[in-house]
Amino acid sequence: MRLRQFVIVAVAPVFAGTLAACGGDDDATPSDPTQAMFDNLPDCDRVPMDEAPEVEPDVSGLVLPEGARITSVLEQGPLTSVEGTIRMTPLDVRADYEQRDDVELLRIEDEVFEAEVLIRAAGQRMYLLAAALCADGTSLSVVIGPDTEDADLPEFRSDLE
């Protein structure tokens, strides 16, 4: 009997401390469950987002959110691939394109940790895949090509079944 009483006495303060840490304030607003998902990713200070040297792109039809850091531009015939990073979540990237009035939004979708965007700008089509790297950092993979249906731009991933 003494052992059982000891366990209860020893565990009770730990359990009470856990409940206190969880909070019990009914006035507190619940956190955004989507943001909580990003909070589970590694801290961006631990993810090498700024290691590759930045390049200055000169690509017609390239439209990125302010703060994007371009690290690679590769021309391959009529298509140009651009790689970079940005201190935003993929959902923030999506929201940036939805608010723009300098592009024609052809298609957009997201799956929380990644967003896909297809736009028309400067007589070109631009496909962008934004994928979460860390809590508030995202990789950007862009392909720009002619403004035609058969431009050989990447397909939206959700279309693949």
N, C-alpha and C. Protein backbone atom coordinates (compact mmCIF):
# COMPACT_ATOMS: atom_id res chain seq x y z
N MET A 1 0.80 -1.19 0.00
CA MET A 1 0.00 0.00 0.00
C MET A 1 0.85 1.26 0.00
N ARG A 2 1.95 1.24 0.72
CA ARG A 2 2.80 2.43 0.80
C ARG A 2 3.33 2.83 -0.58
N LEU A 3 3.68 1.87 -1.41
CA LEU A 3 4.23 2.15 -2.72
C LEU A 3 3.18 2.83 -3.59
N ARG A 4 1.96 2.38 -3.57
CA ARG A 4 0.89 2.99 -4.35
C ARG A 4 0.65 4.42 -3.91
N GLN A 5 0.67 4.70 -2.61
CA GLN A 5 0.47 6.06 -2.13
C GLN A 5 1.62 6.95 -2.58
N PHE A 6 2.84 6.43 -2.59
CA PHE A 6 4.00 7.20 -3.02
C PHE A 6 3.87 7.60 -4.49
N VAL A 7 3.45 6.68 -5.31
CA VAL A 7 3.30 6.96 -6.74
C VAL A 7 2.27 8.05 -6.96
N ILE A 8 1.15 7.95 -6.29
CA ILE A 8 0.10 8.96 -6.44
C ILE A 8 0.61 10.31 -5.98
N VAL A 9 1.28 10.38 -4.86
CA VAL A 9 1.80 11.64 -4.33
C VAL A 9 2.87 12.20 -5.27
N ALA A 10 3.73 11.33 -5.83
CA ALA A 10 4.82 11.79 -6.68
C ALA A 10 4.32 12.25 -8.05
N VAL A 11 3.29 11.63 -8.57
CA VAL A 11 2.79 11.95 -9.91
C VAL A 11 1.85 13.15 -9.87
N ALA A 12 1.13 13.33 -8.80
CA ALA A 12 0.14 14.41 -8.73
C ALA A 12 0.73 15.78 -9.04
N PRO A 13 1.88 16.18 -8.45
CA PRO A 13 2.42 17.50 -8.79
C PRO A 13 2.83 17.61 -10.27
N VAL A 14 3.35 16.55 -10.85
CA VAL A 14 3.74 16.57 -12.26
C VAL A 14 2.51 16.76 -13.13
N PHE A 15 1.43 16.02 -12.84
CA PHE A 15 0.20 16.11 -13.60
C PHE A 15 -0.40 17.51 -13.48
N ALA A 16 -0.40 18.07 -12.27
CA ALA A 16 -0.93 19.41 -12.07
C ALA A 16 -0.12 20.43 -12.85
N GLY A 17 1.21 20.26 -12.87
CA GLY A 17 2.07 21.17 -13.63
C GLY A 17 1.80 21.08 -15.12
N THR A 18 1.53 19.88 -15.62
CA THR A 18 1.22 19.70 -17.03
C THR A 18 -0.08 20.40 -17.38
N LEU A 19 -1.09 20.27 -16.52
CA LEU A 19 -2.35 20.95 -16.78
C LEU A 19 -2.16 22.46 -16.78
N ALA A 20 -1.37 22.96 -15.85
CA ALA A 20 -1.14 24.40 -15.80
C ALA A 20 -0.42 24.88 -17.06
N ALA A 21 0.51 24.09 -17.57
CA ALA A 21 1.24 24.47 -18.77
C ALA A 21 0.34 24.47 -19.99
N CYS A 22 -0.67 23.61 -20.00
CA CYS A 22 -1.59 23.57 -21.15
C CYS A 22 -2.49 24.78 -21.16
N GLY A 23 -2.62 25.43 -20.05
CA GLY A 23 -3.49 26.60 -19.98
C GLY A 23 -4.92 26.16 -19.73
N GLY A 24 -5.65 26.99 -19.10
CA GLY A 24 -7.03 26.67 -18.84
C GLY A 24 -7.87 27.91 -18.95
N ASP A 25 -7.29 28.94 -19.54
CA ASP A 25 -7.96 30.22 -19.66
C ASP A 25 -9.04 30.13 -20.73
N ASP A 26 -10.30 30.21 -20.31
CA ASP A 26 -11.40 30.13 -21.26
C ASP A 26 -11.45 31.34 -22.17
N ASP A 27 -10.81 32.45 -21.79
CA ASP A 27 -10.82 33.66 -22.60
C ASP A 27 -9.78 33.61 -23.72
N ALA A 28 -8.86 32.67 -23.66
CA ALA A 28 -7.82 32.59 -24.68
C ALA A 28 -8.43 32.13 -26.00
N THR A 29 -7.98 32.75 -27.09
CA THR A 29 -8.47 32.35 -28.40
C THR A 29 -7.70 31.12 -28.86
N PRO A 30 -8.37 30.18 -29.48
CA PRO A 30 -7.68 28.98 -29.94
C PRO A 30 -6.72 29.34 -31.07
N SER A 31 -5.57 28.65 -31.10
CA SER A 31 -4.60 28.95 -32.14
C SER A 31 -5.07 28.37 -33.46
N ASP A 32 -4.57 28.92 -34.55
CA ASP A 32 -4.89 28.47 -35.89
C ASP A 32 -4.30 27.08 -36.10
N PRO A 33 -5.12 26.07 -36.37
CA PRO A 33 -4.60 24.71 -36.52
C PRO A 33 -3.62 24.57 -37.68
N THR A 34 -3.82 25.35 -38.73
CA THR A 34 -2.89 25.30 -39.86
C THR A 34 -1.53 25.84 -39.44
N GLN A 35 -1.51 26.96 -38.73
CA GLN A 35 -0.24 27.51 -38.26
C GLN A 35 0.44 26.55 -37.30
N ALA A 36 -0.33 25.85 -36.50
CA ALA A 36 0.24 24.86 -35.58
C ALA A 36 0.97 23.77 -36.35
N MET A 37 0.48 23.44 -37.54
CA MET A 37 1.17 22.44 -38.37
C MET A 37 2.56 22.95 -38.78
N PHE A 38 2.66 24.23 -39.13
CA PHE A 38 3.95 24.81 -39.51
C PHE A 38 4.88 24.90 -38.30
N ASP A 39 4.30 25.10 -37.12
CA ASP A 39 5.11 25.17 -35.91
C ASP A 39 5.80 23.85 -35.61
N ASN A 40 5.32 22.75 -36.18
CA ASN A 40 5.95 21.45 -35.99
C ASN A 40 7.16 21.25 -36.89
N LEU A 41 7.34 22.11 -37.88
CA LEU A 41 8.51 22.01 -38.76
C LEU A 41 9.75 22.54 -38.03
N PRO A 42 10.94 22.23 -38.53
CA PRO A 42 12.15 22.73 -37.88
C PRO A 42 12.20 24.26 -37.88
N ASP A 43 12.88 24.81 -36.92
CA ASP A 43 13.10 26.24 -36.85
C ASP A 43 13.91 26.67 -38.07
N CYS A 44 13.56 27.79 -38.67
CA CYS A 44 14.24 28.22 -39.90
C CYS A 44 15.71 28.58 -39.68
N ASP A 45 16.10 28.86 -38.43
CA ASP A 45 17.51 29.12 -38.15
C ASP A 45 18.35 27.87 -38.36
N ARG A 46 17.72 26.70 -38.36
CA ARG A 46 18.45 25.44 -38.52
C ARG A 46 18.42 24.94 -39.96
N VAL A 47 17.68 25.64 -40.85
CA VAL A 47 17.56 25.23 -42.26
C VAL A 47 18.39 26.18 -43.11
N PRO A 48 19.31 25.65 -43.90
CA PRO A 48 20.18 26.52 -44.71
C PRO A 48 19.44 27.14 -45.90
N MET A 49 18.78 28.26 -45.68
CA MET A 49 18.04 28.93 -46.75
C MET A 49 18.89 29.94 -47.50
N ASP A 50 19.94 30.42 -46.89
CA ASP A 50 20.70 31.52 -47.48
C ASP A 50 22.13 31.14 -47.85
N GLU A 51 22.40 29.84 -48.02
CA GLU A 51 23.77 29.41 -48.31
C GLU A 51 24.18 29.65 -49.76
N ALA A 52 23.30 29.32 -50.71
CA ALA A 52 23.64 29.48 -52.13
C ALA A 52 23.69 30.97 -52.47
N PRO A 53 24.62 31.37 -53.35
CA PRO A 53 24.69 32.79 -53.71
C PRO A 53 23.43 33.23 -54.47
N GLU A 54 23.03 34.45 -54.23
CA GLU A 54 21.85 34.99 -54.87
C GLU A 54 22.21 35.46 -56.28
N VAL A 55 21.30 35.24 -57.24
CA VAL A 55 21.51 35.71 -58.61
C VAL A 55 20.42 36.70 -58.97
N GLU A 56 20.75 37.57 -59.90
CA GLU A 56 19.80 38.59 -60.37
C GLU A 56 19.13 38.06 -61.63
N PRO A 57 17.86 37.67 -61.56
CA PRO A 57 17.20 37.08 -62.73
C PRO A 57 16.76 38.15 -63.73
N ASP A 58 16.90 37.83 -65.00
CA ASP A 58 16.39 38.68 -66.07
C ASP A 58 15.51 37.78 -66.93
N VAL A 59 14.32 37.47 -66.40
CA VAL A 59 13.43 36.50 -67.02
C VAL A 59 12.06 37.14 -67.21
N SER A 60 11.64 37.26 -68.47
CA SER A 60 10.32 37.81 -68.78
C SER A 60 9.25 36.87 -68.23
N GLY A 61 8.26 37.43 -67.56
CA GLY A 61 7.17 36.64 -67.01
C GLY A 61 7.41 36.13 -65.60
N LEU A 62 8.59 36.39 -65.04
CA LEU A 62 8.88 35.96 -63.66
C LEU A 62 8.29 36.98 -62.70
N VAL A 63 7.32 36.54 -61.91
CA VAL A 63 6.67 37.40 -60.93
C VAL A 63 6.65 36.64 -59.61
N LEU A 64 7.43 37.14 -58.64
CA LEU A 64 7.54 36.49 -57.33
C LEU A 64 7.15 37.45 -56.22
N PRO A 65 6.74 36.93 -55.07
CA PRO A 65 6.45 37.80 -53.93
C PRO A 65 7.70 38.57 -53.51
N GLU A 66 7.48 39.75 -52.97
CA GLU A 66 8.59 40.57 -52.47
C GLU A 66 9.35 39.79 -51.40
N GLY A 67 10.67 39.84 -51.49
CA GLY A 67 11.51 39.15 -50.53
C GLY A 67 12.04 37.81 -51.02
N ALA A 68 11.61 37.40 -52.23
CA ALA A 68 12.10 36.13 -52.77
C ALA A 68 13.59 36.26 -53.06
N ARG A 69 14.31 35.19 -52.78
CA ARG A 69 15.76 35.14 -52.97
C ARG A 69 16.05 34.10 -54.04
N ILE A 70 16.48 34.54 -55.23
CA ILE A 70 16.72 33.65 -56.37
C ILE A 70 18.15 33.13 -56.32
N THR A 71 18.28 31.80 -56.47
CA THR A 71 19.60 31.19 -56.39
C THR A 71 20.01 30.48 -57.67
N SER A 72 19.07 30.31 -58.61
CA SER A 72 19.40 29.59 -59.84
C SER A 72 18.44 29.98 -60.96
N VAL A 73 18.99 30.22 -62.15
CA VAL A 73 18.20 30.45 -63.36
C VAL A 73 18.82 29.59 -64.45
N LEU A 74 18.00 28.75 -65.08
CA LEU A 74 18.49 27.84 -66.11
C LEU A 74 17.56 27.89 -67.31
N GLU A 75 18.09 28.32 -68.45
CA GLU A 75 17.30 28.34 -69.68
C GLU A 75 17.46 27.01 -70.40
N GLN A 76 16.32 26.43 -70.80
CA GLN A 76 16.31 25.15 -71.50
C GLN A 76 15.34 25.27 -72.67
N GLY A 77 15.86 25.73 -73.81
CA GLY A 77 15.00 25.97 -74.96
C GLY A 77 13.99 27.05 -74.64
N PRO A 78 12.69 26.80 -74.89
CA PRO A 78 11.68 27.82 -74.62
C PRO A 78 11.31 27.96 -73.14
N LEU A 79 11.80 27.04 -72.31
CA LEU A 79 11.47 27.07 -70.88
C LEU A 79 12.63 27.60 -70.06
N THR A 80 12.31 28.30 -68.99
CA THR A 80 13.31 28.78 -68.04
C THR A 80 12.92 28.30 -66.65
N SER A 81 13.87 27.67 -65.96
CA SER A 81 13.65 27.21 -64.59
C SER A 81 14.33 28.18 -63.63
N VAL A 82 13.64 28.50 -62.57
CA VAL A 82 14.15 29.42 -61.55
C VAL A 82 13.96 28.75 -60.20
N GLU A 83 15.00 28.79 -59.36
CA GLU A 83 14.93 28.23 -58.01
C GLU A 83 15.23 29.33 -57.01
N GLY A 84 14.60 29.27 -55.85
CA GLY A 84 14.86 30.26 -54.82
C GLY A 84 14.19 29.89 -53.51
N THR A 85 14.21 30.82 -52.59
CA THR A 85 13.58 30.66 -51.28
C THR A 85 12.92 31.97 -50.88
N ILE A 86 12.06 31.88 -49.91
CA ILE A 86 11.40 33.08 -49.37
C ILE A 86 11.01 32.81 -47.93
N ARG A 87 11.01 33.84 -47.11
CA ARG A 87 10.58 33.73 -45.70
C ARG A 87 9.08 33.95 -45.64
N MET A 88 8.34 32.95 -46.09
CA MET A 88 6.88 32.90 -46.04
C MET A 88 6.50 31.43 -45.97
N THR A 89 5.28 31.16 -45.59
CA THR A 89 4.76 29.80 -45.73
C THR A 89 4.20 29.65 -47.13
N PRO A 90 4.02 28.42 -47.61
CA PRO A 90 3.37 28.24 -48.92
C PRO A 90 1.98 28.89 -48.97
N LEU A 91 1.26 28.89 -47.85
CA LEU A 91 -0.05 29.52 -47.83
C LEU A 91 0.05 31.04 -47.99
N ASP A 92 1.12 31.64 -47.43
CA ASP A 92 1.35 33.07 -47.62
C ASP A 92 1.69 33.37 -49.07
N VAL A 93 2.45 32.48 -49.71
CA VAL A 93 2.79 32.65 -51.13
C VAL A 93 1.51 32.62 -51.96
N ARG A 94 0.67 31.64 -51.68
CA ARG A 94 -0.61 31.55 -52.39
C ARG A 94 -1.41 32.83 -52.22
N ALA A 95 -1.53 33.31 -50.99
CA ALA A 95 -2.30 34.52 -50.71
C ALA A 95 -1.73 35.72 -51.46
N ASP A 96 -0.41 35.78 -51.59
CA ASP A 96 0.22 36.88 -52.33
C ASP A 96 -0.27 36.91 -53.78
N TYR A 97 -0.30 35.77 -54.43
CA TYR A 97 -0.77 35.72 -55.82
C TYR A 97 -2.26 36.00 -55.93
N GLU A 98 -3.04 35.58 -54.96
CA GLU A 98 -4.48 35.84 -55.00
C GLU A 98 -4.80 37.33 -54.87
N GLN A 99 -3.90 38.09 -54.24
CA GLN A 99 -4.13 39.52 -54.03
C GLN A 99 -3.55 40.39 -55.14
N ARG A 100 -2.74 39.83 -56.01
CA ARG A 100 -2.06 40.60 -57.04
C ARG A 100 -3.04 41.02 -58.14
N ASP A 101 -2.77 42.19 -58.71
CA ASP A 101 -3.54 42.61 -59.87
C ASP A 101 -2.65 42.81 -61.10
N ASP A 102 -1.37 42.42 -60.99
CA ASP A 102 -0.44 42.55 -62.11
C ASP A 102 -0.23 41.24 -62.86
N VAL A 103 -0.99 40.20 -62.51
CA VAL A 103 -0.91 38.91 -63.19
C VAL A 103 -2.32 38.38 -63.39
N GLU A 104 -2.45 37.45 -64.33
CA GLU A 104 -3.72 36.75 -64.50
C GLU A 104 -3.56 35.38 -63.86
N LEU A 105 -4.33 35.13 -62.86
CA LEU A 105 -4.28 33.87 -62.13
C LEU A 105 -5.08 32.83 -62.91
N LEU A 106 -4.39 31.79 -63.41
CA LEU A 106 -5.04 30.75 -64.19
C LEU A 106 -5.48 29.58 -63.33
N ARG A 107 -4.67 29.25 -62.35
CA ARG A 107 -5.00 28.14 -61.46
C ARG A 107 -4.15 28.25 -60.20
N ILE A 108 -4.74 27.86 -59.08
CA ILE A 108 -4.00 27.90 -57.83
C ILE A 108 -4.60 26.87 -56.88
N GLU A 109 -3.75 26.20 -56.13
CA GLU A 109 -4.22 25.27 -55.11
C GLU A 109 -3.11 25.05 -54.10
N ASP A 110 -3.49 24.55 -52.95
CA ASP A 110 -2.48 24.24 -51.94
C ASP A 110 -2.87 23.00 -51.17
N GLU A 111 -1.86 22.44 -50.55
CA GLU A 111 -2.02 21.29 -49.67
C GLU A 111 -1.27 21.59 -48.37
N VAL A 112 -1.43 22.78 -47.86
CA VAL A 112 -0.84 23.33 -46.65
C VAL A 112 0.68 23.45 -46.76
N PHE A 113 1.39 22.33 -46.87
CA PHE A 113 2.85 22.40 -46.90
C PHE A 113 3.41 22.70 -48.29
N GLU A 114 2.53 22.77 -49.28
CA GLU A 114 2.97 23.20 -50.60
C GLU A 114 1.81 23.88 -51.31
N ALA A 115 2.16 24.79 -52.20
CA ALA A 115 1.16 25.48 -53.01
C ALA A 115 1.64 25.48 -54.45
N GLU A 116 0.69 25.38 -55.37
CA GLU A 116 0.99 25.43 -56.79
C GLU A 116 0.23 26.59 -57.40
N VAL A 117 0.90 27.32 -58.29
CA VAL A 117 0.32 28.51 -58.89
C VAL A 117 0.62 28.48 -60.38
N LEU A 118 -0.37 28.79 -61.20
CA LEU A 118 -0.17 28.97 -62.63
C LEU A 118 -0.72 30.33 -62.98
N ILE A 119 0.16 31.19 -63.52
CA ILE A 119 -0.25 32.56 -63.87
C ILE A 119 0.16 32.87 -65.30
N ARG A 120 -0.41 33.97 -65.79
CA ARG A 120 -0.02 34.55 -67.07
C ARG A 120 0.49 35.95 -66.76
N ALA A 121 1.70 36.25 -67.25
CA ALA A 121 2.29 37.58 -67.03
C ALA A 121 3.27 37.87 -68.16
N ALA A 122 3.25 39.08 -68.66
CA ALA A 122 4.20 39.55 -69.69
C ALA A 122 4.24 38.61 -70.90
N GLY A 123 3.08 38.08 -71.29
CA GLY A 123 3.01 37.21 -72.46
C GLY A 123 3.59 35.82 -72.24
N GLN A 124 3.82 35.44 -70.99
CA GLN A 124 4.38 34.13 -70.63
C GLN A 124 3.45 33.45 -69.64
N ARG A 125 3.63 32.14 -69.50
CA ARG A 125 2.97 31.39 -68.43
C ARG A 125 4.04 31.02 -67.41
N MET A 126 3.66 31.10 -66.15
CA MET A 126 4.59 30.77 -65.09
C MET A 126 3.92 29.77 -64.15
N TYR A 127 4.58 28.63 -63.95
CA TYR A 127 4.15 27.63 -62.98
C TYR A 127 5.10 27.73 -61.78
N LEU A 128 4.54 27.78 -60.57
CA LEU A 128 5.34 27.87 -59.36
C LEU A 128 4.91 26.79 -58.39
N LEU A 129 5.90 26.11 -57.82
CA LEU A 129 5.66 25.17 -56.72
C LEU A 129 6.38 25.74 -55.50
N ALA A 130 5.62 26.06 -54.47
CA ALA A 130 6.17 26.56 -53.21
C ALA A 130 6.03 25.45 -52.18
N ALA A 131 7.16 25.00 -51.61
CA ALA A 131 7.15 23.89 -50.65
C ALA A 131 7.81 24.32 -49.35
N ALA A 132 7.16 24.03 -48.24
CA ALA A 132 7.68 24.42 -46.92
C ALA A 132 9.02 23.75 -46.64
N LEU A 133 9.96 24.56 -46.18
CA LEU A 133 11.27 24.06 -45.72
C LEU A 133 11.35 24.05 -44.21
N CYS A 134 10.69 25.02 -43.59
CA CYS A 134 10.74 25.20 -42.15
C CYS A 134 9.50 25.99 -41.74
N ALA A 135 9.42 26.40 -40.50
CA ALA A 135 8.21 27.03 -39.97
C ALA A 135 7.74 28.24 -40.78
N ASP A 136 8.65 29.06 -41.26
CA ASP A 136 8.23 30.21 -42.08
C ASP A 136 9.18 30.42 -43.26
N GLY A 137 9.68 29.34 -43.81
CA GLY A 137 10.55 29.40 -44.97
C GLY A 137 10.11 28.41 -46.03
N THR A 138 10.18 28.83 -47.29
CA THR A 138 9.64 28.04 -48.39
C THR A 138 10.62 28.02 -49.55
N SER A 139 10.72 26.86 -50.20
CA SER A 139 11.48 26.79 -51.44
C SER A 139 10.55 27.14 -52.59
N LEU A 140 11.10 27.80 -53.60
CA LEU A 140 10.34 28.19 -54.78
C LEU A 140 10.96 27.51 -55.99
N SER A 141 10.16 26.76 -56.73
CA SER A 141 10.58 26.15 -57.99
C SER A 141 9.64 26.67 -59.06
N VAL A 142 10.20 27.36 -60.05
CA VAL A 142 9.40 28.04 -61.06
C VAL A 142 9.82 27.56 -62.44
N VAL A 143 8.84 27.40 -63.32
CA VAL A 143 9.11 27.14 -64.73
C VAL A 143 8.28 28.15 -65.52
N ILE A 144 8.95 28.86 -66.42
CA ILE A 144 8.30 29.88 -67.25
C ILE A 144 8.44 29.46 -68.70
N GLY A 145 7.36 29.61 -69.45
CA GLY A 145 7.39 29.24 -70.85
C GLY A 145 6.38 30.03 -71.66
N PRO A 146 6.24 29.67 -72.92
CA PRO A 146 5.30 30.37 -73.80
C PRO A 146 3.87 30.27 -73.27
N ASP A 147 3.06 31.26 -73.59
CA ASP A 147 1.68 31.30 -73.14
C ASP A 147 0.80 30.47 -74.07
N THR A 148 1.01 29.15 -74.01
CA THR A 148 0.20 28.21 -74.79
C THR A 148 -0.16 27.03 -73.90
N GLU A 149 -1.21 26.33 -74.29
CA GLU A 149 -1.64 25.16 -73.53
C GLU A 149 -0.60 24.03 -73.58
N ASP A 150 0.19 23.98 -74.65
CA ASP A 150 1.17 22.89 -74.80
C ASP A 150 2.60 23.37 -74.54
N ALA A 151 2.76 24.21 -73.53
CA ALA A 151 4.07 24.80 -73.22
C ALA A 151 4.99 23.84 -72.48
N ASP A 152 4.54 22.65 -72.14
CA ASP A 152 5.33 21.67 -71.40
C ASP A 152 5.70 22.14 -70.00
N LEU A 153 4.85 22.97 -69.40
CA LEU A 153 5.06 23.35 -68.00
C LEU A 153 4.70 22.16 -67.12
N PRO A 154 5.24 22.10 -65.91
CA PRO A 154 4.88 20.99 -65.00
C PRO A 154 3.38 20.97 -64.75
N GLU A 155 2.88 19.79 -64.45
CA GLU A 155 1.45 19.61 -64.14
C GLU A 155 1.22 19.80 -62.64
N PHE A 156 0.01 20.18 -62.30
CA PHE A 156 -0.36 20.24 -60.89
C PHE A 156 -0.35 18.84 -60.34
N ARG A 157 0.21 18.66 -59.16
CA ARG A 157 0.37 17.33 -58.57
C ARG A 157 -0.95 16.66 -58.27
N SER A 158 -1.98 17.40 -57.92
CA SER A 158 -3.26 16.79 -57.57
C SER A 158 -3.95 16.19 -58.78
N ASP A 159 -3.54 16.60 -59.98
CA ASP A 159 -4.12 16.03 -61.20
C ASP A 159 -3.62 14.62 -61.46
N LEU A 160 -2.50 14.25 -60.86
CA LEU A 160 -1.93 12.93 -61.08
C LEU A 160 -2.64 11.94 -60.16
N GLU A 161 -3.23 10.94 -60.73
CA GLU A 161 -3.96 9.97 -59.89
C GLU A 161 -3.48 8.59 -60.17
